């Protein structure tokens, strides 16, 4: 409402209005935070600059599938009809390239809340620290899973359509329908938890992004140096310290039933079990950091 007096100006009544809509509890609040985090990570309702990177990355991740399907179409009537540019197992490994996406988006959905001191407001009611952690990790996990799974769908459907018998291809590769999602789930949860955990330790996005990349790449380089310079039957054990490759060992367990013989853990007795144990320890450490950090609203 406004009231004017000649040409002297205007007086506005901008009082607060009561909210008469539905009121949700913890679950609704956590889901709202989850959806808001996904929108922020994907640049939805933000400027076009924030939208470019995630969608370009998805397009790049889909390129190997398109190439493979194209080769299958061209060679479908030739002796090279069984040639594959990339396998489903190898394609899961390409998903590790999404580490760059984690290094940019995880800090962007976590650090501003601490820097702008909005955590006490978020936790005012009814959310608690565990709700916040699950919403943030769940948002990054969901995007990573989708961005890794959609290219696999393109690959599977495309290969099925260009093959001589679509139904035969489906039955021959039926095991892919559970192996691919399970492997991607392992990888997406791993990178999502680590990314959010590292981001929770600082309020500066650039610091968090560099720390995420460093945590993944530095051990990988050091492990490579140790493997190249070491000797002895047990030197392959240091391969488990490669945090970048750790979820790929579990991928091999899903697809092959054992660790890839050509990997550093290939010659290690109980190498697969060792990889699973270290994987669980890393995830446990990441979630422990998060639950401790967000135990108090002003943490």
C-alpha atoms as a PDB file:
ATOM      1  CA  UNK A   1       0.000   0.000   0.000  1.00  0.00           C
ATOM      2  CA  UNK A   2       1.222   3.532  -0.609  1.00  0.00           C
ATOM      3  CA  UNK A   3      -0.020   7.000   0.170  1.00  0.00           C
ATOM      4  CA  UNK A   4       1.116  10.111  -1.655  1.00  0.00           C
ATOM      5  CA  UNK A   5       0.873  13.730  -0.609  1.00  0.00           C
ATOM      6  CA  UNK A   6       1.059  16.036  -3.601  1.00  0.00           C
ATOM      7  CA  UNK A   7       4.545  15.979  -5.030  1.00  0.00           C
ATOM      8  CA  UNK A   8       6.331  15.672  -1.678  1.00  0.00           C
ATOM      9  CA  UNK A   9       6.972  11.919  -1.985  1.00  0.00           C
ATOM     10  CA  UNK A  10       5.477   8.574  -1.079  1.00  0.00           C
ATOM     11  CA  UNK A  11       5.106   6.540   2.110  1.00  0.00           C
ATOM     12  CA  UNK A  12       5.168   2.757   1.770  1.00  0.00           C
ATOM     13  CA  UNK A  13       3.837   0.225   4.242  1.00  0.00           C
ATOM     14  CA  UNK A  14       6.109  -2.800   3.848  1.00  0.00           C
ATOM     15  CA  UNK A  15       5.246  -4.814   6.886  1.00  0.00           C
ATOM     16  CA  UNK A  16       5.877  -8.576   7.100  1.00  0.00           C
ATOM     17  CA  UNK A  17       3.097 -10.856   5.993  1.00  0.00           C
ATOM     18  CA  UNK A  18       2.360 -14.112   7.841  1.00  0.00           C
ATOM     19  CA  UNK A  19       3.111 -17.345   5.978  1.00  0.00           C
ATOM     20  CA  UNK A  20       0.008 -19.449   5.474  1.00  0.00           C
ATOM     21  CA  UNK A  21       1.541 -22.199   3.310  1.00  0.00           C
ATOM     22  CA  UNK A  22       2.477 -25.747   4.293  1.00  0.00           C
ATOM     23  CA  UNK A  23       5.174 -26.192   6.909  1.00  0.00           C
ATOM     24  CA  UNK A  24       7.622 -29.050   6.557  1.00  0.00           C
ATOM     25  CA  UNK A  25       9.904 -30.748   9.035  1.00  0.00           C
ATOM     26  CA  UNK A  26      13.496 -31.989   8.909  1.00  0.00           C
ATOM     27  CA  UNK A  27      13.002 -34.107   5.819  1.00  0.00           C
ATOM     28  CA  UNK A  28      11.490 -31.284   3.798  1.00  0.00           C
ATOM     29  CA  UNK A  29      14.213 -28.908   4.964  1.00  0.00           C
ATOM     30  CA  UNK A  30      16.973 -31.342   3.994  1.00  0.00           C
ATOM     31  CA  UNK A  31      15.377 -31.925   0.589  1.00  0.00           C
ATOM     32  CA  UNK A  32      15.127 -28.182   0.014  1.00  0.00           C
ATOM     33  CA  UNK A  33      18.820 -27.788   0.850  1.00  0.00           C
ATOM     34  CA  UNK A  34      19.639 -30.747  -1.416  1.00  0.00           C
ATOM     35  CA  UNK A  35      17.748 -29.228  -4.346  1.00  0.00           C
ATOM     36  CA  UNK A  36      19.270 -25.799  -3.773  1.00  0.00           C
ATOM     37  CA  UNK A  37      22.771 -27.304  -3.759  1.00  0.00           C
ATOM     38  CA  UNK A  38      22.125 -29.107  -7.055  1.00  0.00           C
ATOM     39  CA  UNK A  39      20.825 -25.912  -8.650  1.00  0.00           C
ATOM     40  CA  UNK A  40      23.878 -23.997  -7.499  1.00  0.00           C
ATOM     41  CA  UNK A  41      26.314 -26.664  -8.712  1.00  0.00           C
ATOM     42  CA  UNK A  42      24.670 -26.794 -12.151  1.00  0.00           C
ATOM     43  CA  UNK A  43      24.355 -23.029 -12.439  1.00  0.00           C
ATOM     44  CA  UNK A  44      20.559 -23.107 -12.530  1.00  0.00           C
ATOM     45  CA  UNK A  45      19.083 -19.655 -11.855  1.00  0.00           C
ATOM     46  CA  UNK A  46      22.579 -18.209 -12.088  1.00  0.00           C
ATOM     47  CA  UNK A  47      24.399 -16.391 -14.870  1.00  0.00           C
ATOM     48  CA  UNK A  48      25.307 -18.250 -18.049  1.00  0.00           C
ATOM     49  CA  UNK A  49      28.965 -18.398 -16.980  1.00  0.00           C
ATOM     50  CA  UNK A  50      28.061 -20.739 -14.119  1.00  0.00           C
ATOM     51  CA  UNK A  51      26.087 -22.956 -16.525  1.00  0.00           C
ATOM     52  CA  UNK A  52      28.792 -23.437 -19.148  1.00  0.00           C
ATOM     53  CA  UNK A  53      31.303 -25.607 -17.299  1.00  0.00           C
ATOM     54  CA  UNK A  54      29.075 -28.437 -15.956  1.00  0.00           C
ATOM     55  CA  UNK A  55      27.229 -28.947 -19.235  1.00  0.00           C
ATOM     56  CA  UNK A  56      30.371 -28.731 -21.353  1.00  0.00           C
ATOM     57  CA  UNK A  57      31.936 -31.321 -19.059  1.00  0.00           C
ATOM     58  CA  UNK A  58      28.950 -33.627 -19.559  1.00  0.00           C
ATOM     59  CA  UNK A  59      29.265 -33.197 -23.317  1.00  0.00           C
ATOM     60  CA  UNK A  60      32.979 -34.021 -23.202  1.00  0.00           C
ATOM     61  CA  UNK A  61      32.322 -37.096 -21.069  1.00  0.00           C
ATOM     62  CA  UNK A  62      29.838 -38.311 -23.703  1.00  0.00           C
ATOM     63  CA  UNK A  63      32.280 -38.003 -26.629  1.00  0.00           C
ATOM     64  CA  UNK A  64      33.860 -41.497 -26.174  1.00  0.00           C
ATOM     65  CA  UNK A  65      30.396 -43.073 -26.275  1.00  0.00           C
ATOM     66  CA  UNK A  66      29.499 -41.224 -29.469  1.00  0.00           C
ATOM     67  CA  UNK A  67      32.785 -42.244 -31.095  1.00  0.00           C
ATOM     68  CA  UNK A  68      32.297 -45.868 -30.089  1.00  0.00           C
ATOM     69  CA  UNK A  69      28.750 -45.948 -31.458  1.00  0.00           C
ATOM     70  CA  UNK A  70      29.916 -44.251 -34.664  1.00  0.00           C
ATOM     71  CA  UNK A  71      32.644 -46.854 -35.175  1.00  0.00           C
ATOM     72  CA  UNK A  72      30.115 -49.617 -34.498  1.00  0.00           C
ATOM     73  CA  UNK A  73      27.778 -48.173 -37.135  1.00  0.00           C
ATOM     74  CA  UNK A  74      30.494 -47.850 -39.774  1.00  0.00           C
ATOM     75  CA  UNK A  75      31.923 -51.332 -39.167  1.00  0.00           C
ATOM     76  CA  UNK A  76      28.658 -53.182 -38.551  1.00  0.00           C
ATOM     77  CA  UNK A  77      28.906 -55.122 -41.856  1.00  0.00           C
ATOM     78  CA  UNK A  78      32.684 -55.590 -41.878  1.00  0.00           C
ATOM     79  CA  UNK A  79      35.016 -58.165 -40.274  1.00  0.00           C
ATOM     80  CA  UNK A  80      35.824 -55.504 -37.667  1.00  0.00           C
ATOM     81  CA  UNK A  81      32.260 -55.417 -36.425  1.00  0.00           C
ATOM     82  CA  UNK A  82      33.369 -56.462 -32.930  1.00  0.00           C
ATOM     83  CA  UNK A  83      35.854 -53.588 -32.586  1.00  0.00           C
ATOM     84  CA  UNK A  84      35.270 -51.336 -29.569  1.00  0.00           C
ATOM     85  CA  UNK A  85      36.832 -47.950 -28.969  1.00  0.00           C
ATOM     86  CA  UNK A  86      36.173 -48.170 -25.236  1.00  0.00           C
ATOM     87  CA  UNK A  87      34.645 -50.809 -22.965  1.00  0.00           C
ATOM     88  CA  UNK A  88      32.053 -50.225 -20.271  1.00  0.00           C
ATOM     89  CA  UNK A  89      34.641 -50.956 -17.597  1.00  0.00           C
ATOM     90  CA  UNK A  90      37.129 -48.494 -19.080  1.00  0.00           C
ATOM     91  CA  UNK A  91      34.375 -45.898 -19.446  1.00  0.00           C
ATOM     92  CA  UNK A  92      33.829 -45.928 -15.693  1.00  0.00           C
ATOM     93  CA  UNK A  93      37.498 -44.954 -15.409  1.00  0.00           C
ATOM     94  CA  UNK A  94      36.866 -41.930 -17.605  1.00  0.00           C
ATOM     95  CA  UNK A  95      34.508 -40.750 -14.870  1.00  0.00           C
ATOM     96  CA  UNK A  96      37.530 -39.951 -12.719  1.00  0.00           C
ATOM     97  CA  UNK A  97      37.989 -36.948 -15.006  1.00  0.00           C
ATOM     98  CA  UNK A  98      35.010 -35.502 -13.136  1.00  0.00           C
ATOM     99  CA  UNK A  99      37.433 -34.826 -10.298  1.00  0.00           C
ATOM    100  CA  UNK A 100      37.849 -31.381 -11.846  1.00  0.00           C
ATOM    101  CA  UNK A 101      34.097 -30.904 -11.583  1.00  0.00           C
ATOM    102  CA  UNK A 102      34.222 -31.844  -7.891  1.00  0.00           C
ATOM    103  CA  UNK A 103      37.103 -29.430  -7.268  1.00  0.00           C
ATOM    104  CA  UNK A 104      35.019 -26.570  -8.668  1.00  0.00           C
ATOM    105  CA  UNK A 105      31.511 -27.382  -7.491  1.00  0.00           C
ATOM    106  CA  UNK A 106      31.997 -28.876  -4.010  1.00  0.00           C
ATOM    107  CA  UNK A 107      33.645 -25.697  -2.670  1.00  0.00           C
ATOM    108  CA  UNK A 108      30.984 -23.611  -4.398  1.00  0.00           C
ATOM    109  CA  UNK A 109      28.125 -25.341  -2.560  1.00  0.00           C
ATOM    110  CA  UNK A 110      29.854 -25.512   0.839  1.00  0.00           C
ATOM    111  CA  UNK A 111      32.310 -22.656   1.387  1.00  0.00           C
ATOM    112  CA  UNK A 112      29.902 -19.687   0.899  1.00  0.00           C
ATOM    113  CA  UNK A 113      27.704 -20.905   3.767  1.00  0.00           C
ATOM    114  CA  UNK A 114      30.626 -20.635   6.156  1.00  0.00           C
ATOM    115  CA  UNK A 115      32.092 -17.453   4.692  1.00  0.00           C
ATOM    116  CA  UNK A 116      28.756 -15.594   4.834  1.00  0.00           C
ATOM    117  CA  UNK A 117      27.982 -17.045   8.289  1.00  0.00           C
ATOM    118  CA  UNK A 118      24.600 -18.453   7.342  1.00  0.00           C
ATOM    119  CA  UNK A 119      25.038 -21.807   9.101  1.00  0.00           C
ATOM    120  CA  UNK A 120      23.335 -20.639  12.332  1.00  0.00           C
ATOM    121  CA  UNK A 121      20.369 -19.593  10.191  1.00  0.00           C
ATOM    122  CA  UNK A 122      20.312 -22.922   8.341  1.00  0.00           C
ATOM    123  CA  UNK A 123      20.417 -24.854  11.599  1.00  0.00           C
ATOM    124  CA  UNK A 124      17.952 -22.610  13.424  1.00  0.00           C
ATOM    125  CA  UNK A 125      15.160 -25.096  12.882  1.00  0.00           C
ATOM    126  CA  UNK A 126      14.597 -27.944  12.185  1.00  0.00           C
ATOM    127  CA  UNK A 127      17.803 -29.036  10.405  1.00  0.00           C
ATOM    128  CA  UNK A 128      20.757 -30.539  12.263  1.00  0.00           C
ATOM    129  CA  UNK A 129      24.343 -31.079  11.215  1.00  0.00           C
ATOM    130  CA  UNK A 130      23.804 -34.569   9.806  1.00  0.00           C
ATOM    131  CA  UNK A 131      20.981 -33.276   7.597  1.00  0.00           C
ATOM    132  CA  UNK A 132      23.281 -30.611   6.213  1.00  0.00           C
ATOM    133  CA  UNK A 133      26.069 -33.112   5.521  1.00  0.00           C
ATOM    134  CA  UNK A 134      23.806 -35.618   3.788  1.00  0.00           C
ATOM    135  CA  UNK A 135      22.180 -32.889   1.673  1.00  0.00           C
ATOM    136  CA  UNK A 136      25.501 -31.480   0.473  1.00  0.00           C
ATOM    137  CA  UNK A 137      27.184 -34.839  -0.167  1.00  0.00           C
ATOM    138  CA  UNK A 138      23.988 -36.141  -1.732  1.00  0.00           C
ATOM    139  CA  UNK A 139      23.846 -33.209  -4.146  1.00  0.00           C
ATOM    140  CA  UNK A 140      27.417 -33.679  -5.388  1.00  0.00           C
ATOM    141  CA  UNK A 141      26.968 -37.461  -5.484  1.00  0.00           C
ATOM    142  CA  UNK A 142      23.766 -37.183  -7.534  1.00  0.00           C
ATOM    143  CA  UNK A 143      25.371 -34.920 -10.133  1.00  0.00           C
ATOM    144  CA  UNK A 144      28.473 -37.108 -10.399  1.00  0.00           C
ATOM    145  CA  UNK A 145      26.337 -40.220 -10.748  1.00  0.00           C
ATOM    146  CA  UNK A 146      24.161 -38.654 -13.436  1.00  0.00           C
ATOM    147  CA  UNK A 147      27.100 -37.220 -15.383  1.00  0.00           C
ATOM    148  CA  UNK A 148      28.850 -40.605 -15.292  1.00  0.00           C
ATOM    149  CA  UNK A 149      25.756 -42.717 -15.973  1.00  0.00           C
ATOM    150  CA  UNK A 150      24.226 -40.790 -18.883  1.00  0.00           C
ATOM    151  CA  UNK A 151      27.237 -41.350 -21.202  1.00  0.00           C
ATOM    152  CA  UNK A 152      27.042 -45.063 -20.365  1.00  0.00           C
ATOM    153  CA  UNK A 153      23.375 -45.047 -21.374  1.00  0.00           C
ATOM    154  CA  UNK A 154      24.320 -43.406 -24.675  1.00  0.00           C
ATOM    155  CA  UNK A 155      26.981 -46.074 -25.205  1.00  0.00           C
ATOM    156  CA  UNK A 156      24.706 -49.009 -24.358  1.00  0.00           C
ATOM    157  CA  UNK A 157      21.650 -47.858 -26.289  1.00  0.00           C
ATOM    158  CA  UNK A 158      23.751 -46.764 -29.263  1.00  0.00           C
ATOM    159  CA  UNK A 159      25.660 -50.057 -29.399  1.00  0.00           C
ATOM    160  CA  UNK A 160      22.417 -51.971 -29.127  1.00  0.00           C
ATOM    161  CA  UNK A 161      20.851 -50.058 -32.017  1.00  0.00           C
ATOM    162  CA  UNK A 162      23.811 -50.394 -34.394  1.00  0.00           C
ATOM    163  CA  UNK A 163      24.363 -54.079 -33.648  1.00  0.00           C
ATOM    164  CA  UNK A 164      22.938 -56.713 -35.980  1.00  0.00           C
ATOM    165  CA  UNK A 165      20.561 -57.956 -33.316  1.00  0.00           C
ATOM    166  CA  UNK A 166      19.411 -55.509 -30.648  1.00  0.00           C
ATOM    167  CA  UNK A 167      17.845 -58.221 -28.492  1.00  0.00           C
ATOM    168  CA  UNK A 168      20.944 -60.406 -28.761  1.00  0.00           C
ATOM    169  CA  UNK A 169      23.153 -57.506 -27.738  1.00  0.00           C
ATOM    170  CA  UNK A 170      20.896 -56.827 -24.745  1.00  0.00           C
ATOM    171  CA  UNK A 171      21.015 -60.414 -23.516  1.00  0.00           C
ATOM    172  CA  UNK A 172      24.759 -60.770 -24.148  1.00  0.00           C
ATOM    173  CA  UNK A 173      25.520 -57.622 -22.154  1.00  0.00           C
ATOM    174  CA  UNK A 174      22.810 -57.863 -19.498  1.00  0.00           C
ATOM    175  CA  UNK A 175      25.379 -57.923 -16.700  1.00  0.00           C
ATOM    176  CA  UNK A 176      26.403 -54.390 -17.657  1.00  0.00           C
ATOM    177  CA  UNK A 177      23.007 -53.191 -16.438  1.00  0.00           C
ATOM    178  CA  UNK A 178      24.068 -53.738 -12.812  1.00  0.00           C
ATOM    179  CA  UNK A 179      27.849 -53.553 -13.010  1.00  0.00           C
ATOM    180  CA  UNK A 180      27.946 -50.048 -14.470  1.00  0.00           C
ATOM    181  CA  UNK A 181      25.567 -48.406 -11.951  1.00  0.00           C
ATOM    182  CA  UNK A 182      27.279 -50.118  -9.005  1.00  0.00           C
ATOM    183  CA  UNK A 183      30.754 -49.064 -10.161  1.00  0.00           C
ATOM    184  CA  UNK A 184      29.632 -45.486 -10.789  1.00  0.00           C
ATOM    185  CA  UNK A 185      27.957 -45.382  -7.386  1.00  0.00           C
ATOM    186  CA  UNK A 186      31.238 -46.394  -5.723  1.00  0.00           C
ATOM    187  CA  UNK A 187      33.170 -43.713  -7.590  1.00  0.00           C
ATOM    188  CA  UNK A 188      30.595 -40.913  -7.199  1.00  0.00           C
ATOM    189  CA  UNK A 189      30.192 -41.459  -3.451  1.00  0.00           C
ATOM    190  CA  UNK A 190      33.974 -41.491  -3.013  1.00  0.00           C
ATOM    191  CA  UNK A 191      34.664 -38.223  -4.812  1.00  0.00           C
ATOM    192  CA  UNK A 192      31.551 -36.538  -3.470  1.00  0.00           C
ATOM    193  CA  UNK A 193      32.387 -37.277   0.176  1.00  0.00           C
ATOM    194  CA  UNK A 194      36.034 -36.277  -0.186  1.00  0.00           C
ATOM    195  CA  UNK A 195      35.175 -33.078  -2.056  1.00  0.00           C
ATOM    196  CA  UNK A 196      32.649 -31.886   0.520  1.00  0.00           C
ATOM    197  CA  UNK A 197      34.873 -32.917   3.452  1.00  0.00           C
ATOM    198  CA  UNK A 198      37.855 -30.949   2.158  1.00  0.00           C
ATOM    199  CA  UNK A 199      35.634 -27.963   1.334  1.00  0.00           C
ATOM    200  CA  UNK A 200      34.263 -27.932   4.871  1.00  0.00           C
ATOM    201  CA  UNK A 201      37.724 -27.128   6.258  1.00  0.00           C
ATOM    202  CA  UNK A 202      37.925 -23.653   4.723  1.00  0.00           C
ATOM    203  CA  UNK A 203      35.707 -20.758   3.722  1.00  0.00           C
ATOM    204  CA  UNK A 204      37.716 -19.956   0.576  1.00  0.00           C
ATOM    205  CA  UNK A 205      36.629 -21.774  -2.563  1.00  0.00           C
ATOM    206  CA  UNK A 206      39.938 -21.531  -4.387  1.00  0.00           C
ATOM    207  CA  UNK A 207      41.806 -22.992  -1.409  1.00  0.00           C
ATOM    208  CA  UNK A 208      39.345 -25.873  -1.194  1.00  0.00           C
ATOM    209  CA  UNK A 209      39.544 -26.562  -4.931  1.00  0.00           C
ATOM    210  CA  UNK A 210      43.342 -26.680  -4.931  1.00  0.00           C
ATOM    211  CA  UNK A 211      43.295 -28.902  -1.833  1.00  0.00           C
ATOM    212  CA  UNK A 212      40.911 -31.390  -3.485  1.00  0.00           C
ATOM    213  CA  UNK A 213      43.071 -31.648  -6.592  1.00  0.00           C
ATOM    214  CA  UNK A 214      46.225 -31.901  -4.504  1.00  0.00           C
ATOM    215  CA  UNK A 215      44.786 -34.613  -2.273  1.00  0.00           C
ATOM    216  CA  UNK A 216      44.007 -36.730  -5.330  1.00  0.00           C
ATOM    217  CA  UNK A 217      46.985 -35.966  -7.573  1.00  0.00           C
ATOM    218  CA  UNK A 218      49.934 -35.701  -5.155  1.00  0.00           C
ATOM    219  CA  UNK A 219      49.536 -39.229  -3.695  1.00  0.00           C
ATOM    220  CA  UNK A 220      49.095 -40.496  -7.247  1.00  0.00           C
ATOM    221  CA  UNK A 221      52.425 -38.989  -8.313  1.00  0.00           C
ATOM    222  CA  UNK A 222      54.229 -40.159  -5.167  1.00  0.00           C
ATOM    223  CA  UNK A 223      52.833 -43.665  -5.561  1.00  0.00           C
ATOM    224  CA  UNK A 224      54.009 -43.779  -9.171  1.00  0.00           C
ATOM    225  CA  UNK A 225      57.515 -42.734  -8.143  1.00  0.00           C
ATOM    226  CA  UNK A 226      57.648 -45.345  -5.376  1.00  0.00           C
ATOM    227  CA  UNK A 227      56.446 -48.076  -7.705  1.00  0.00           C
ATOM    228  CA  UNK A 228      58.993 -47.175 -10.368  1.00  0.00           C
ATOM    229  CA  UNK A 229      61.902 -47.031  -7.943  1.00  0.00           C
ATOM    230  CA  UNK A 230      60.949 -49.808  -5.532  1.00  0.00           C
ATOM    231  CA  UNK A 231      61.747 -53.460  -5.551  1.00  0.00           C
ATOM    232  CA  UNK A 232      60.537 -56.555  -3.802  1.00  0.00           C
ATOM    233  CA  UNK A 233      57.365 -58.598  -3.811  1.00  0.00           C
ATOM    234  CA  UNK A 234      55.467 -56.236  -1.547  1.00  0.00           C
ATOM    235  CA  UNK A 235      56.094 -53.003  -3.374  1.00  0.00           C
ATOM    236  CA  UNK A 236      52.695 -53.169  -5.065  1.00  0.00           C
ATOM    237  CA  UNK A 237      51.013 -52.547  -1.712  1.00  0.00           C
ATOM    238  CA  UNK A 238      51.873 -48.851  -2.005  1.00  0.00           C
ATOM    239  CA  UNK A 239      49.487 -48.735  -4.954  1.00  0.00           C
ATOM    240  CA  UNK A 240      46.609 -48.592  -2.496  1.00  0.00           C
ATOM    241  CA  UNK A 241      47.859 -45.154  -1.419  1.00  0.00           C
ATOM    242  CA  UNK A 242      46.884 -43.772  -4.831  1.00  0.00           C
ATOM    243  CA  UNK A 243      43.647 -42.080  -3.808  1.00  0.00           C
ATOM    244  CA  UNK A 244      42.829 -41.217  -7.411  1.00  0.00           C
ATOM    245  CA  UNK A 245      42.901 -44.865  -8.511  1.00  0.00           C
ATOM    246  CA  UNK A 246      41.425 -46.374  -5.344  1.00  0.00           C
ATOM    247  CA  UNK A 247      37.778 -46.478  -6.533  1.00  0.00           C
ATOM    248  CA  UNK A 248      38.971 -47.981  -9.829  1.00  0.00           C
ATOM    249  CA  UNK A 249      40.258 -51.018  -7.929  1.00  0.00           C
ATOM    250  CA  UNK A 250      36.721 -51.528  -6.652  1.00  0.00           C
ATOM    251  CA  UNK A 251      35.427 -51.037 -10.189  1.00  0.00           C
ATOM    252  CA  UNK A 252      37.627 -53.939 -11.273  1.00  0.00           C
ATOM    253  CA  UNK A 253      36.259 -56.053  -8.437  1.00  0.00           C
ATOM    254  CA  UNK A 254      32.756 -55.427  -9.776  1.00  0.00           C
ATOM    255  CA  UNK A 255      33.558 -56.088 -13.445  1.00  0.00           C
ATOM    256  CA  UNK A 256      36.301 -58.722 -13.189  1.00  0.00           C
ATOM    257  CA  UNK A 257      35.733 -60.254  -9.782  1.00  0.00           C
ATOM    258  CA  UNK A 258      39.328 -59.436  -8.870  1.00  0.00           C
ATOM    259  CA  UNK A 259      41.848 -56.611  -9.113  1.00  0.00           C
ATOM    260  CA  UNK A 260      43.199 -56.024 -12.609  1.00  0.00           C
ATOM    261  CA  UNK A 261      46.418 -58.099 -12.895  1.00  0.00           C
ATOM    262  CA  UNK A 262      48.098 -55.176 -14.690  1.00  0.00           C
ATOM    263  CA  UNK A 263      47.384 -52.761 -11.824  1.00  0.00           C
ATOM    264  CA  UNK A 264      49.849 -52.134  -8.953  1.00  0.00           C
ATOM    265  CA  UNK A 265      47.702 -54.318  -6.688  1.00  0.00           C
ATOM    266  CA  UNK A 266      47.522 -57.097  -9.264  1.00  0.00           C
ATOM    267  CA  UNK A 267      50.348 -59.091  -7.723  1.00  0.00           C
ATOM    268  CA  UNK A 268      49.443 -58.381  -4.102  1.00  0.00           C
ATOM    269  CA  UNK A 269      47.826 -61.147  -2.091  1.00  0.00           C
ATOM    270  CA  UNK A 270      44.351 -60.066  -0.972  1.00  0.00           C
ATOM    271  CA  UNK A 271      44.856 -56.857  -2.942  1.00  0.00           C
ATOM    272  CA  UNK A 272      41.129 -56.508  -3.563  1.00  0.00           C
ATOM    273  CA  UNK A 273      40.312 -56.817   0.130  1.00  0.00           C
ATOM    274  CA  UNK A 274      43.006 -54.266   0.935  1.00  0.00           C
ATOM    275  CA  UNK A 275      41.519 -51.833  -1.569  1.00  0.00           C
ATOM    276  CA  UNK A 276      38.049 -52.250  -0.033  1.00  0.00           C
ATOM    277  CA  UNK A 277      39.388 -51.658   3.481  1.00  0.00           C
ATOM    278  CA  UNK A 278      41.254 -48.487   2.500  1.00  0.00           C
ATOM    279  CA  UNK A 279      38.208 -47.267   0.542  1.00  0.00           C
ATOM    280  CA  UNK A 280      35.990 -47.692   3.593  1.00  0.00           C
ATOM    281  CA  UNK A 281      38.570 -45.974   5.806  1.00  0.00           C
ATOM    282  CA  UNK A 282      38.754 -42.979   3.461  1.00  0.00           C
ATOM    283  CA  UNK A 283      34.970 -42.654   3.346  1.00  0.00           C
ATOM    284  CA  UNK A 284      34.701 -43.054   7.118  1.00  0.00           C
ATOM    285  CA  UNK A 285      37.324 -40.348   7.638  1.00  0.00           C
ATOM    286  CA  UNK A 286      35.547 -37.981   5.239  1.00  0.00           C
ATOM    287  CA  UNK A 287      32.157 -38.373   6.930  1.00  0.00           C
ATOM    288  CA  UNK A 288      33.727 -38.153  10.393  1.00  0.00           C
ATOM    289  CA  UNK A 289      35.277 -34.811   9.473  1.00  0.00           C
ATOM    290  CA  UNK A 290      31.945 -33.586   8.147  1.00  0.00           C
ATOM    291  CA  UNK A 291      29.847 -34.678  11.123  1.00  0.00           C
ATOM    292  CA  UNK A 292      32.350 -33.148  13.543  1.00  0.00           C
ATOM    293  CA  UNK A 293      32.614 -29.913  11.573  1.00  0.00           C
ATOM    294  CA  UNK A 294      28.864 -29.433  11.430  1.00  0.00           C
ATOM    295  CA  UNK A 295      28.025 -30.620  14.911  1.00  0.00           C
ATOM    296  CA  UNK A 296      27.642 -26.981  15.947  1.00  0.00           C
ATOM    297  CA  UNK A 297      25.891 -24.310  13.825  1.00  0.00           C
ATOM    298  CA  UNK A 298      28.847 -21.950  13.931  1.00  0.00           C
ATOM    299  CA  UNK A 299      31.452 -24.649  13.184  1.00  0.00           C
END
